[in-house]
C-alpha cells in the first residue's frame, strides 16, 4: 500500500517540478493544462475518503468548461496502479450525485457559491483552478504559481474534515492552506 503511494507521490513530484517535460515541450498553456489534468488524475491516490480509497475506477466528474477537456481526454484511457481514469462531463451540479470527485471549471465561476452548497451534501472532493476556490469553500485548488513555474496545490482542510475527507501526509506536506 505505502509503496503505491510512494510511487504515485514520486510521479506527482516529478510532474510538479519538471512541468511534464517532453522531447519538444508544448506551448506554455498546453503544458499548464496537462499538468492540471495529471494532478487531477493522481489526486484520488492521496485521498482518504471511503469511495476513493479502494475504488479501482474513481468516479471523476467535470462540471462546466475549463480548458482541461483535451488534456483529460488524452489521460482518460490511462491506467495507473490498477485504476482506470475516466471523466464524466456534467452540465449541472445536480448530475454530480454519484461522483466521488468533481472538478469545477472556470465557466462556473459566477455560480460557484450555489454549486458548492449543492455539492456539500455528500463527501465529494471538490477541485478547481478558479482563483480563490479553496477560500470560497472548495476543497482542492490547483493554483498556477505567480512566476508561471508550476502549480501549487491549495487544500482547505477545514472543509475537507467537515465532508469526511482527509489526505495523505505526503500530499499535505506539498500543499498549502488557503490564503497563503
C-alpha atoms as a PDB file:
ATOM      1  CA  UNK A   1       0.000   0.000   0.000  1.00  0.00           C
ATOM      2  CA  UNK A   2       2.699   2.523   1.003  1.00  0.00           C
ATOM      3  CA  UNK A   3       4.824   1.546  -1.985  1.00  0.00           C
ATOM      4  CA  UNK A   4       1.931   2.503  -4.269  1.00  0.00           C
ATOM      5  CA  UNK A   5       1.586   5.891  -2.566  1.00  0.00           C
ATOM      6  CA  UNK A   6       5.331   6.474  -2.642  1.00  0.00           C
ATOM      7  CA  UNK A   7       5.465   5.725  -6.393  1.00  0.00           C
ATOM      8  CA  UNK A   8       2.458   7.943  -7.023  1.00  0.00           C
ATOM      9  CA  UNK A   9       3.967  10.745  -4.933  1.00  0.00           C
ATOM     10  CA  UNK A  10       7.242  10.454  -6.839  1.00  0.00           C
ATOM     11  CA  UNK A  11       5.311  10.789 -10.108  1.00  0.00           C
ATOM     12  CA  UNK A  12       3.364  13.733  -8.750  1.00  0.00           C
ATOM     13  CA  UNK A  13       6.558  15.465  -7.621  1.00  0.00           C
ATOM     14  CA  UNK A  14       8.252  14.817 -10.952  1.00  0.00           C
ATOM     15  CA  UNK A  15       5.287  16.348 -12.757  1.00  0.00           C
ATOM     16  CA  UNK A  16       5.245  19.363 -10.440  1.00  0.00           C
ATOM     17  CA  UNK A  17       8.981  20.001 -10.657  1.00  0.00           C
ATOM     18  CA  UNK A  18       9.539  19.291 -14.308  1.00  0.00           C
ATOM     19  CA  UNK A  19       6.244  20.556 -15.704  1.00  0.00           C
ATOM     20  CA  UNK A  20       5.785  17.319 -17.680  1.00  0.00           C
ATOM     21  CA  UNK A  21       8.884  17.843 -19.767  1.00  0.00           C
ATOM     22  CA  UNK A  22       8.821  16.179 -23.171  1.00  0.00           C
ATOM     23  CA  UNK A  23      11.283  15.942 -26.054  1.00  0.00           C
ATOM     24  CA  UNK A  24       9.649  19.007 -27.585  1.00  0.00           C
ATOM     25  CA  UNK A  25       7.853  20.979 -24.913  1.00  0.00           C
ATOM     26  CA  UNK A  26       4.302  22.001 -25.803  1.00  0.00           C
ATOM     27  CA  UNK A  27       3.234  25.659 -25.611  1.00  0.00           C
ATOM     28  CA  UNK A  28       3.060  27.010 -22.055  1.00  0.00           C
ATOM     29  CA  UNK A  29      -0.754  26.979 -21.902  1.00  0.00           C
ATOM     30  CA  UNK A  30      -0.919  23.379 -23.084  1.00  0.00           C
ATOM     31  CA  UNK A  31       1.642  22.181 -20.543  1.00  0.00           C
ATOM     32  CA  UNK A  32      -0.198  24.019 -17.756  1.00  0.00           C
ATOM     33  CA  UNK A  33      -3.449  22.266 -18.701  1.00  0.00           C
ATOM     34  CA  UNK A  34      -1.679  18.904 -18.990  1.00  0.00           C
ATOM     35  CA  UNK A  35      -0.123  19.369 -15.544  1.00  0.00           C
ATOM     36  CA  UNK A  36      -3.504  20.213 -14.016  1.00  0.00           C
ATOM     37  CA  UNK A  37      -5.031  17.153 -15.694  1.00  0.00           C
ATOM     38  CA  UNK A  38      -2.284  14.892 -14.300  1.00  0.00           C
ATOM     39  CA  UNK A  39      -2.750  16.342 -10.818  1.00  0.00           C
ATOM     40  CA  UNK A  40      -6.488  15.736 -11.055  1.00  0.00           C
ATOM     41  CA  UNK A  41      -5.771  12.200 -12.250  1.00  0.00           C
ATOM     42  CA  UNK A  42      -3.330  11.454  -9.379  1.00  0.00           C
ATOM     43  CA  UNK A  43      -5.312  13.146  -6.612  1.00  0.00           C
ATOM     44  CA  UNK A  44      -7.521  10.119  -5.748  1.00  0.00           C
ATOM     45  CA  UNK A  45      -4.367   8.186  -4.772  1.00  0.00           C
ATOM     46  CA  UNK A  46      -3.854  10.635  -1.891  1.00  0.00           C
ATOM     47  CA  UNK A  47      -7.445  10.965  -0.678  1.00  0.00           C
ATOM     48  CA  UNK A  48      -8.772   9.036   2.313  1.00  0.00           C
ATOM     49  CA  UNK A  49     -12.490   9.031   1.702  1.00  0.00           C
ATOM     50  CA  UNK A  50     -14.211   5.657   1.552  1.00  0.00           C
ATOM     51  CA  UNK A  51     -15.380   5.678  -2.090  1.00  0.00           C
ATOM     52  CA  UNK A  52     -11.997   6.901  -3.395  1.00  0.00           C
ATOM     53  CA  UNK A  53      -9.648   4.906  -1.155  1.00  0.00           C
ATOM     54  CA  UNK A  54     -10.171   1.490  -2.670  1.00  0.00           C
ATOM     55  CA  UNK A  55     -12.049   2.237  -5.867  1.00  0.00           C
ATOM     56  CA  UNK A  56     -10.470   0.638  -8.940  1.00  0.00           C
ATOM     57  CA  UNK A  57     -12.046   3.421 -11.009  1.00  0.00           C
ATOM     58  CA  UNK A  58     -12.950   6.538  -9.029  1.00  0.00           C
ATOM     59  CA  UNK A  59     -15.904   8.482 -10.356  1.00  0.00           C
ATOM     60  CA  UNK A  60     -14.431  11.786 -11.517  1.00  0.00           C
ATOM     61  CA  UNK A  61     -16.764  14.393 -12.955  1.00  0.00           C
ATOM     62  CA  UNK A  62     -16.079  17.676 -14.739  1.00  0.00           C
ATOM     63  CA  UNK A  63     -18.647  20.436 -14.350  1.00  0.00           C
ATOM     64  CA  UNK A  64     -18.683  23.284 -16.851  1.00  0.00           C
ATOM     65  CA  UNK A  65     -15.828  24.292 -19.179  1.00  0.00           C
ATOM     66  CA  UNK A  66     -12.225  24.731 -18.087  1.00  0.00           C
ATOM     67  CA  UNK A  67      -9.789  24.248 -20.939  1.00  0.00           C
ATOM     68  CA  UNK A  68      -8.754  20.899 -19.424  1.00  0.00           C
ATOM     69  CA  UNK A  69     -11.033  18.869 -21.641  1.00  0.00           C
ATOM     70  CA  UNK A  70      -8.389  17.948 -24.260  1.00  0.00           C
ATOM     71  CA  UNK A  71      -5.756  17.036 -21.662  1.00  0.00           C
ATOM     72  CA  UNK A  72      -8.286  14.946 -19.716  1.00  0.00           C
ATOM     73  CA  UNK A  73      -9.376  13.164 -22.890  1.00  0.00           C
ATOM     74  CA  UNK A  74      -5.765  12.112 -23.503  1.00  0.00           C
ATOM     75  CA  UNK A  75      -5.456  10.716 -19.965  1.00  0.00           C
ATOM     76  CA  UNK A  76      -8.887   9.114 -19.913  1.00  0.00           C
ATOM     77  CA  UNK A  77      -7.631   5.810 -21.291  1.00  0.00           C
ATOM     78  CA  UNK A  78      -4.641   5.680 -18.933  1.00  0.00           C
ATOM     79  CA  UNK A  79      -4.225   3.133 -16.159  1.00  0.00           C
ATOM     80  CA  UNK A  80      -2.095   3.548 -13.048  1.00  0.00           C
ATOM     81  CA  UNK A  81      -1.843   1.282 -10.032  1.00  0.00           C
ATOM     82  CA  UNK A  82      -4.702  -0.866 -11.398  1.00  0.00           C
ATOM     83  CA  UNK A  83      -7.003   2.170 -11.517  1.00  0.00           C
ATOM     84  CA  UNK A  84      -8.612   3.365 -14.707  1.00  0.00           C
ATOM     85  CA  UNK A  85      -9.211   7.038 -15.250  1.00  0.00           C
ATOM     86  CA  UNK A  86     -12.456   8.210 -16.726  1.00  0.00           C
ATOM     87  CA  UNK A  87     -14.207  11.538 -16.697  1.00  0.00           C
ATOM     88  CA  UNK A  88     -17.898  12.223 -16.962  1.00  0.00           C
ATOM     89  CA  UNK A  89     -18.808  15.697 -18.183  1.00  0.00           C
ATOM     90  CA  UNK A  90     -21.700  17.446 -16.466  1.00  0.00           C
ATOM     91  CA  UNK A  91     -23.826  20.447 -17.351  1.00  0.00           C
ATOM     92  CA  UNK A  92     -25.341  20.888 -13.887  1.00  0.00           C
ATOM     93  CA  UNK A  93     -24.266  20.175 -10.303  1.00  0.00           C
ATOM     94  CA  UNK A  94     -27.453  18.124  -9.784  1.00  0.00           C
ATOM     95  CA  UNK A  95     -25.921  15.486 -12.085  1.00  0.00           C
ATOM     96  CA  UNK A  96     -22.964  15.030  -9.687  1.00  0.00           C
ATOM     97  CA  UNK A  97     -24.817  12.933  -7.114  1.00  0.00           C
ATOM     98  CA  UNK A  98     -22.806   9.779  -7.812  1.00  0.00           C
ATOM     99  CA  UNK A  99     -19.414  11.452  -8.410  1.00  0.00           C
ATOM    100  CA  UNK A 100     -16.576  10.844  -5.960  1.00  0.00           C
ATOM    101  CA  UNK A 101     -14.620  13.867  -7.166  1.00  0.00           C
ATOM    102  CA  UNK A 102     -15.945  16.939  -9.007  1.00  0.00           C
ATOM    103  CA  UNK A 103     -13.733  19.343 -10.955  1.00  0.00           C
ATOM    104  CA  UNK A 104     -15.483  22.700 -11.332  1.00  0.00           C
ATOM    105  CA  UNK A 105     -14.476  24.563 -14.486  1.00  0.00           C
ATOM    106  CA  UNK A 106     -13.834  28.293 -14.794  1.00  0.00           C
ATOM    107  CA  UNK A 107     -17.097  28.730 -16.687  1.00  0.00           C
ATOM    108  CA  UNK A 108     -18.914  28.126 -13.378  1.00  0.00           C
ATOM    109  CA  UNK A 109     -17.129  30.930 -11.502  1.00  0.00           C
ATOM    110  CA  UNK A 110     -20.231  33.145 -11.403  1.00  0.00           C
ATOM    111  CA  UNK A 111     -22.334  30.486  -9.638  1.00  0.00           C
ATOM    112  CA  UNK A 112     -19.617  28.878  -7.502  1.00  0.00           C
ATOM    113  CA  UNK A 113     -21.376  29.507  -4.169  1.00  0.00           C
ATOM    114  CA  UNK A 114     -24.572  27.801  -5.290  1.00  0.00           C
ATOM    115  CA  UNK A 115     -22.654  24.866  -6.795  1.00  0.00           C
ATOM    116  CA  UNK A 116     -20.590  24.293  -3.643  1.00  0.00           C
ATOM    117  CA  UNK A 117     -23.733  24.434  -1.498  1.00  0.00           C
ATOM    118  CA  UNK A 118     -25.317  21.787  -3.673  1.00  0.00           C
ATOM    119  CA  UNK A 119     -22.219  19.564  -3.734  1.00  0.00           C
ATOM    120  CA  UNK A 120     -21.575  19.771   0.011  1.00  0.00           C
ATOM    121  CA  UNK A 121     -24.477  17.390   0.640  1.00  0.00           C
ATOM    122  CA  UNK A 122     -22.170  14.344   0.374  1.00  0.00           C
ATOM    123  CA  UNK A 123     -18.464  13.601   0.874  1.00  0.00           C
ATOM    124  CA  UNK A 124     -17.272  14.568  -2.591  1.00  0.00           C
ATOM    125  CA  UNK A 125     -13.847  16.039  -3.197  1.00  0.00           C
ATOM    126  CA  UNK A 126     -14.334  19.349  -4.990  1.00  0.00           C
ATOM    127  CA  UNK A 127     -11.436  20.565  -7.146  1.00  0.00           C
ATOM    128  CA  UNK A 128     -10.974  23.643  -9.320  1.00  0.00           C
ATOM    129  CA  UNK A 129      -8.460  26.036 -10.787  1.00  0.00           C
ATOM    130  CA  UNK A 130     -10.708  29.029 -10.088  1.00  0.00           C
ATOM    131  CA  UNK A 131      -8.627  31.576  -8.174  1.00  0.00           C
ATOM    132  CA  UNK A 132      -9.770  31.658  -4.531  1.00  0.00           C
ATOM    133  CA  UNK A 133     -11.660  28.364  -4.845  1.00  0.00           C
ATOM    134  CA  UNK A 134     -10.357  26.898  -1.564  1.00  0.00           C
ATOM    135  CA  UNK A 135     -11.104  30.137   0.312  1.00  0.00           C
ATOM    136  CA  UNK A 136     -14.632  30.072  -1.134  1.00  0.00           C
ATOM    137  CA  UNK A 137     -15.360  26.664   0.389  1.00  0.00           C
ATOM    138  CA  UNK A 138     -13.902  24.274  -2.187  1.00  0.00           C
ATOM    139  CA  UNK A 139     -11.555  21.527  -1.023  1.00  0.00           C
ATOM    140  CA  UNK A 140      -8.653  21.469  -3.534  1.00  0.00           C
ATOM    141  CA  UNK A 141      -7.492  24.400  -5.645  1.00  0.00           C
ATOM    142  CA  UNK A 142      -4.930  23.986  -8.420  1.00  0.00           C
ATOM    143  CA  UNK A 143      -3.230  27.377  -8.462  1.00  0.00           C
ATOM    144  CA  UNK A 144      -0.767  28.465 -11.133  1.00  0.00           C
ATOM    145  CA  UNK A 145       2.302  29.947  -9.443  1.00  0.00           C
ATOM    146  CA  UNK A 146       2.668  33.693  -9.989  1.00  0.00           C
ATOM    147  CA  UNK A 147       6.007  33.198 -11.751  1.00  0.00           C
ATOM    148  CA  UNK A 148       4.368  30.588 -14.009  1.00  0.00           C
ATOM    149  CA  UNK A 149       6.785  27.825 -12.979  1.00  0.00           C
ATOM    150  CA  UNK A 150       4.267  25.227 -11.898  1.00  0.00           C
ATOM    151  CA  UNK A 151       1.102  24.514  -9.987  1.00  0.00           C
ATOM    152  CA  UNK A 152       0.533  24.869  -6.258  1.00  0.00           C
ATOM    153  CA  UNK A 153      -1.987  22.646  -4.520  1.00  0.00           C
ATOM    154  CA  UNK A 154      -4.146  24.520  -2.024  1.00  0.00           C
ATOM    155  CA  UNK A 155      -6.186  22.354   0.362  1.00  0.00           C
ATOM    156  CA  UNK A 156      -8.962  23.619   2.614  1.00  0.00           C
ATOM    157  CA  UNK A 157      -8.606  21.028   5.390  1.00  0.00           C
ATOM    158  CA  UNK A 158     -11.438  22.508   7.460  1.00  0.00           C
ATOM    159  CA  UNK A 159     -13.973  21.934   4.672  1.00  0.00           C
ATOM    160  CA  UNK A 160     -12.442  18.535   3.907  1.00  0.00           C
ATOM    161  CA  UNK A 161     -12.862  17.411   7.543  1.00  0.00           C
ATOM    162  CA  UNK A 162     -16.464  18.656   7.550  1.00  0.00           C
ATOM    163  CA  UNK A 163     -17.095  16.500   4.470  1.00  0.00           C
ATOM    164  CA  UNK A 164     -15.384  13.392   5.889  1.00  0.00           C
ATOM    165  CA  UNK A 165     -12.385  13.679   3.557  1.00  0.00           C
ATOM    166  CA  UNK A 166      -8.727  13.515   4.589  1.00  0.00           C
ATOM    167  CA  UNK A 167      -5.481  13.466   2.642  1.00  0.00           C
ATOM    168  CA  UNK A 168      -2.212  11.597   2.904  1.00  0.00           C
ATOM    169  CA  UNK A 169       0.527  13.280   4.902  1.00  0.00           C
ATOM    170  CA  UNK A 170       2.718  13.314   1.779  1.00  0.00           C
ATOM    171  CA  UNK A 171       0.205  15.433  -0.136  1.00  0.00           C
ATOM    172  CA  UNK A 172      -0.404  17.728   2.831  1.00  0.00           C
ATOM    173  CA  UNK A 173       3.334  18.454   3.029  1.00  0.00           C
ATOM    174  CA  UNK A 174       3.237  19.599  -0.614  1.00  0.00           C
ATOM    175  CA  UNK A 175       0.010  21.557  -0.250  1.00  0.00           C
ATOM    176  CA  UNK A 176      -0.601  24.902   1.309  1.00  0.00           C
ATOM    177  CA  UNK A 177      -3.651  26.238   3.138  1.00  0.00           C
ATOM    178  CA  UNK A 178      -5.995  28.807   1.565  1.00  0.00           C
ATOM    179  CA  UNK A 179      -4.921  32.401   1.888  1.00  0.00           C
ATOM    180  CA  UNK A 180      -1.146  31.775   1.965  1.00  0.00           C
END
